[in-house]
Amino acid sequence: MLTTFKAAAKKCPEGLKVETNARGFKIVLDEPEEMGGTNTGMNPVEAILCSLGACQSIVASAFAEMQGFSFEEFHVELEGDLDPDGFMGLADVRNGFQEIRFTMYFKTKESQEKAEAFADFIQKRCPVEDCLVNGVKFVRAGVVRE
């Protein structure tokens, strides 16, 4: 059975600042000043990296016991390569990330092999990674003039 998640994004009056909302939780997104923003929040592609790391962390915590893996602490460091000239229309290059790299850190007494197997499980189970790796069908449901 499918579950529909909903979110909204509204442009703020200042610079490129945007306020997003899902289930009453708000995140402010913006661009650095050198990109025309007011630097009051992370930019959307940084938020993608954060979403991926958060999703991997949630999967690790939610499924560790079921997978017979134990850890005291877990964190992920992520980075992605993007050429801003695509977004700015200055070059005919991809607008989005060309590569995302991440390292998972486990504070654990488990073996390296077991940690790598659990990391493989996390990657296979993570919905955000699935969206990024396999793509998602995009459907514009409408354009409304008010």
C-alpha atoms as a PDB file:
ATOM      1  CA  MET A   1       0.000   0.000   0.000  1.00  0.00           C
ATOM      2  CA  LEU A   2       1.385   3.397  -0.966  1.00  0.00           C
ATOM      3  CA  THR A   3       1.715   6.205   1.557  1.00  0.00           C
ATOM      4  CA  THR A   4       1.648   9.752   0.205  1.00  0.00           C
ATOM      5  CA  PHE A   5       4.006  12.233   1.839  1.00  0.00           C
ATOM      6  CA  LYS A   6       3.300  15.939   1.374  1.00  0.00           C
ATOM      7  CA  ALA A   7       5.435  19.049   1.560  1.00  0.00           C
ATOM      8  CA  ALA A   8       5.195  22.682   0.511  1.00  0.00           C
ATOM      9  CA  ALA A   9       7.767  25.333  -0.339  1.00  0.00           C
ATOM     10  CA  LYS A  10       7.119  29.084  -0.355  1.00  0.00           C
ATOM     11  CA  LYS A  11       9.464  31.767  -1.639  1.00  0.00           C
ATOM     12  CA  CYS A  12      10.209  34.382   1.029  1.00  0.00           C
ATOM     13  CA  PRO A  13      10.561  38.096   0.143  1.00  0.00           C
ATOM     14  CA  GLU A  14      14.309  38.161   0.912  1.00  0.00           C
ATOM     15  CA  GLY A  15      16.831  37.097  -1.755  1.00  0.00           C
ATOM     16  CA  LEU A  16      16.470  33.424  -2.680  1.00  0.00           C
ATOM     17  CA  LYS A  17      15.207  32.303   0.732  1.00  0.00           C
ATOM     18  CA  VAL A  18      12.500  29.607   0.765  1.00  0.00           C
ATOM     19  CA  GLU A  19      10.512  28.235   3.697  1.00  0.00           C
ATOM     20  CA  THR A  20       9.559  24.590   3.400  1.00  0.00           C
ATOM     21  CA  ASN A  21       6.968  22.765   5.467  1.00  0.00           C
ATOM     22  CA  ALA A  22       6.036  19.117   5.976  1.00  0.00           C
ATOM     23  CA  ARG A  23       3.719  17.936   8.766  1.00  0.00           C
ATOM     24  CA  GLY A  24       4.143  21.319  10.473  1.00  0.00           C
ATOM     25  CA  PHE A  25       7.955  21.096  10.540  1.00  0.00           C
ATOM     26  CA  LYS A  26       9.769  23.933   8.801  1.00  0.00           C
ATOM     27  CA  ILE A  27      13.161  24.144   7.127  1.00  0.00           C
ATOM     28  CA  VAL A  28      14.523  27.373   5.672  1.00  0.00           C
ATOM     29  CA  LEU A  29      16.564  26.890   2.514  1.00  0.00           C
ATOM     30  CA  ASP A  30      18.634  29.570   0.847  1.00  0.00           C
ATOM     31  CA  GLU A  31      21.775  30.090  -1.198  1.00  0.00           C
ATOM     32  CA  PRO A  32      25.101  31.553  -0.127  1.00  0.00           C
ATOM     33  CA  GLU A  33      25.515  35.276  -0.745  1.00  0.00           C
ATOM     34  CA  GLU A  34      27.937  34.626  -3.622  1.00  0.00           C
ATOM     35  CA  MET A  35      25.102  32.727  -5.379  1.00  0.00           C
ATOM     36  CA  GLY A  36      22.574  35.545  -4.848  1.00  0.00           C
ATOM     37  CA  GLY A  37      21.092  34.341  -1.567  1.00  0.00           C
ATOM     38  CA  THR A  38      21.074  35.717   1.950  1.00  0.00           C
ATOM     39  CA  ASN A  39      22.905  32.718   3.491  1.00  0.00           C
ATOM     40  CA  THR A  40      20.152  32.094   6.065  1.00  0.00           C
ATOM     41  CA  GLY A  41      19.957  28.345   5.475  1.00  0.00           C
ATOM     42  CA  MET A  42      21.532  25.466   3.645  1.00  0.00           C
ATOM     43  CA  ASN A  43      20.856  25.292  -0.065  1.00  0.00           C
ATOM     44  CA  PRO A  44      18.616  22.598  -1.586  1.00  0.00           C
ATOM     45  CA  VAL A  45      21.467  20.350  -2.743  1.00  0.00           C
ATOM     46  CA  GLU A  46      23.049  20.506   0.717  1.00  0.00           C
ATOM     47  CA  ALA A  47      19.626  19.474   2.030  1.00  0.00           C
ATOM     48  CA  ILE A  48      19.715  16.458  -0.298  1.00  0.00           C
ATOM     49  CA  LEU A  49      23.031  15.401   1.225  1.00  0.00           C
ATOM     50  CA  CYS A  50      21.589  15.912   4.712  1.00  0.00           C
ATOM     51  CA  SER A  51      18.464  13.927   3.797  1.00  0.00           C
ATOM     52  CA  LEU A  52      20.567  11.053   2.502  1.00  0.00           C
ATOM     53  CA  GLY A  53      22.736  10.993   5.631  1.00  0.00           C
ATOM     54  CA  ALA A  54      19.689  11.243   7.889  1.00  0.00           C
ATOM     55  CA  CYS A  55      17.922   8.439   6.051  1.00  0.00           C
ATOM     56  CA  GLN A  56      20.974   6.187   6.272  1.00  0.00           C
ATOM     57  CA  SER A  57      21.232   6.970   9.997  1.00  0.00           C
ATOM     58  CA  ILE A  58      17.566   6.140  10.557  1.00  0.00           C
ATOM     59  CA  VAL A  59      17.863   2.859   8.655  1.00  0.00           C
ATOM     60  CA  ALA A  60      20.967   1.949  10.682  1.00  0.00           C
ATOM     61  CA  SER A  61      19.165   2.597  13.962  1.00  0.00           C
ATOM     62  CA  ALA A  62      15.852   1.039  12.962  1.00  0.00           C
ATOM     63  CA  PHE A  63      17.269  -2.224  11.630  1.00  0.00           C
ATOM     64  CA  ALA A  64      20.519  -2.904  13.512  1.00  0.00           C
ATOM     65  CA  GLU A  65      19.017  -5.285  16.061  1.00  0.00           C
ATOM     66  CA  MET A  66      16.997  -7.136  13.425  1.00  0.00           C
ATOM     67  CA  GLN A  67      20.164  -7.541  11.357  1.00  0.00           C
ATOM     68  CA  GLY A  68      22.194  -8.760  14.336  1.00  0.00           C
ATOM     69  CA  PHE A  69      24.482  -5.727  14.277  1.00  0.00           C
ATOM     70  CA  SER A  70      25.270  -3.560  17.275  1.00  0.00           C
ATOM     71  CA  PHE A  71      26.891  -0.142  17.472  1.00  0.00           C
ATOM     72  CA  GLU A  72      27.289   2.575  20.049  1.00  0.00           C
ATOM     73  CA  GLU A  73      27.420   5.488  17.608  1.00  0.00           C
ATOM     74  CA  PHE A  74      26.875   6.052  13.898  1.00  0.00           C
ATOM     75  CA  HIS A  75      27.389   9.019  11.641  1.00  0.00           C
ATOM     76  CA  VAL A  76      27.804   9.691   7.937  1.00  0.00           C
ATOM     77  CA  GLU A  77      29.950  12.277   6.174  1.00  0.00           C
ATOM     78  CA  LEU A  78      28.768  13.180   2.673  1.00  0.00           C
ATOM     79  CA  GLU A  79      29.920  15.330  -0.208  1.00  0.00           C
ATOM     80  CA  GLY A  80      28.674  15.875  -3.731  1.00  0.00           C
ATOM     81  CA  ASP A  81      30.143  17.433  -6.853  1.00  0.00           C
ATOM     82  CA  LEU A  82      28.002  19.924  -8.742  1.00  0.00           C
ATOM     83  CA  ASP A  83      28.959  22.498 -11.373  1.00  0.00           C
ATOM     84  CA  PRO A  84      26.982  25.694 -10.538  1.00  0.00           C
ATOM     85  CA  ASP A  85      27.449  26.923 -14.115  1.00  0.00           C
ATOM     86  CA  GLY A  86      24.658  24.532 -15.156  1.00  0.00           C
ATOM     87  CA  PHE A  87      22.185  26.042 -12.687  1.00  0.00           C
ATOM     88  CA  MET A  88      23.290  29.563 -13.632  1.00  0.00           C
ATOM     89  CA  GLY A  89      22.890  28.830 -17.369  1.00  0.00           C
ATOM     90  CA  LEU A  90      26.543  29.622 -18.016  1.00  0.00           C
ATOM     91  CA  ALA A  91      27.511  26.222 -19.430  1.00  0.00           C
ATOM     92  CA  ASP A  92      25.839  23.196 -20.956  1.00  0.00           C
ATOM     93  CA  VAL A  93      26.535  20.891 -18.016  1.00  0.00           C
ATOM     94  CA  ARG A  94      24.309  18.853 -15.767  1.00  0.00           C
ATOM     95  CA  ASN A  95      22.412  20.980 -13.208  1.00  0.00           C
ATOM     96  CA  GLY A  96      22.550  18.407 -10.416  1.00  0.00           C
ATOM     97  CA  PHE A  97      25.150  16.352  -8.640  1.00  0.00           C
ATOM     98  CA  GLN A  98      27.550  14.475 -10.853  1.00  0.00           C
ATOM     99  CA  GLU A  99      28.705  12.306  -7.949  1.00  0.00           C
ATOM    100  CA  ILE A 100      27.857  11.849  -4.284  1.00  0.00           C
ATOM    101  CA  ARG A 101      30.400  10.253  -1.947  1.00  0.00           C
ATOM    102  CA  PHE A 102      29.800   9.225   1.634  1.00  0.00           C
ATOM    103  CA  THR A 103      31.592   7.447   4.441  1.00  0.00           C
ATOM    104  CA  MET A 104      29.731   5.618   7.188  1.00  0.00           C
ATOM    105  CA  TYR A 105      31.322   5.624  10.634  1.00  0.00           C
ATOM    106  CA  PHE A 106      30.370   2.967  13.187  1.00  0.00           C
ATOM    107  CA  LYS A 107      31.584   2.909  16.765  1.00  0.00           C
ATOM    108  CA  THR A 108      31.256  -0.853  17.188  1.00  0.00           C
ATOM    109  CA  LYS A 109      32.954  -4.023  18.337  1.00  0.00           C
ATOM    110  CA  GLU A 110      31.655  -5.851  15.254  1.00  0.00           C
ATOM    111  CA  SER A 111      34.138  -7.020  12.592  1.00  0.00           C
ATOM    112  CA  GLN A 112      34.968  -4.932   9.511  1.00  0.00           C
ATOM    113  CA  GLU A 113      33.242  -7.533   7.334  1.00  0.00           C
ATOM    114  CA  LYS A 114      30.065  -7.381   9.413  1.00  0.00           C
ATOM    115  CA  ALA A 115      30.140  -3.559   9.353  1.00  0.00           C
ATOM    116  CA  GLU A 116      30.493  -3.569   5.559  1.00  0.00           C
ATOM    117  CA  ALA A 117      27.643  -6.074   5.194  1.00  0.00           C
ATOM    118  CA  PHE A 118      25.436  -3.879   7.406  1.00  0.00           C
ATOM    119  CA  ALA A 119      26.438  -0.807   5.366  1.00  0.00           C
ATOM    120  CA  ASP A 120      25.331  -2.706   2.228  1.00  0.00           C
ATOM    121  CA  PHE A 121      21.998  -3.418   3.929  1.00  0.00           C
ATOM    122  CA  ILE A 122      21.598   0.273   4.832  1.00  0.00           C
ATOM    123  CA  GLN A 123      22.190   1.275   1.227  1.00  0.00           C
ATOM    124  CA  LYS A 124      19.685  -1.263  -0.090  1.00  0.00           C
ATOM    125  CA  ARG A 125      16.992  -0.219   2.425  1.00  0.00           C
ATOM    126  CA  CYS A 126      17.421   3.611   2.355  1.00  0.00           C
ATOM    127  CA  PRO A 127      14.477   5.267   0.529  1.00  0.00           C
ATOM    128  CA  VAL A 128      16.405   8.489  -0.164  1.00  0.00           C
ATOM    129  CA  GLU A 129      19.290   6.591  -1.757  1.00  0.00           C
ATOM    130  CA  ASP A 130      16.779   4.604  -3.787  1.00  0.00           C
ATOM    131  CA  CYS A 131      15.265   7.861  -5.107  1.00  0.00           C
ATOM    132  CA  LEU A 132      18.681   9.254  -6.008  1.00  0.00           C
ATOM    133  CA  VAL A 133      20.044   6.078  -7.593  1.00  0.00           C
ATOM    134  CA  ASN A 134      16.930   4.953  -9.466  1.00  0.00           C
ATOM    135  CA  GLY A 135      15.233   8.265 -10.166  1.00  0.00           C
ATOM    136  CA  VAL A 136      11.609   9.118  -9.582  1.00  0.00           C
ATOM    137  CA  LYS A 137       8.790   9.781 -12.030  1.00  0.00           C
ATOM    138  CA  PHE A 138       7.972  13.500 -11.887  1.00  0.00           C
ATOM    139  CA  VAL A 139       4.412  14.606 -12.620  1.00  0.00           C
ATOM    140  CA  ARG A 140       3.514  18.281 -12.681  1.00  0.00           C
ATOM    141  CA  ALA A 141      -0.032  18.178 -11.332  1.00  0.00           C
ATOM    142  CA  GLY A 142      -0.815  21.694 -12.497  1.00  0.00           C
ATOM    143  CA  VAL A 143       0.066  25.353 -12.755  1.00  0.00           C
ATOM    144  CA  VAL A 144      -2.236  27.727 -10.859  1.00  0.00           C
ATOM    145  CA  ARG A 145      -2.464  31.472 -11.365  1.00  0.00           C
ATOM    146  CA  GLU A 146      -3.805  33.351  -8.356  1.00  0.00           C
END
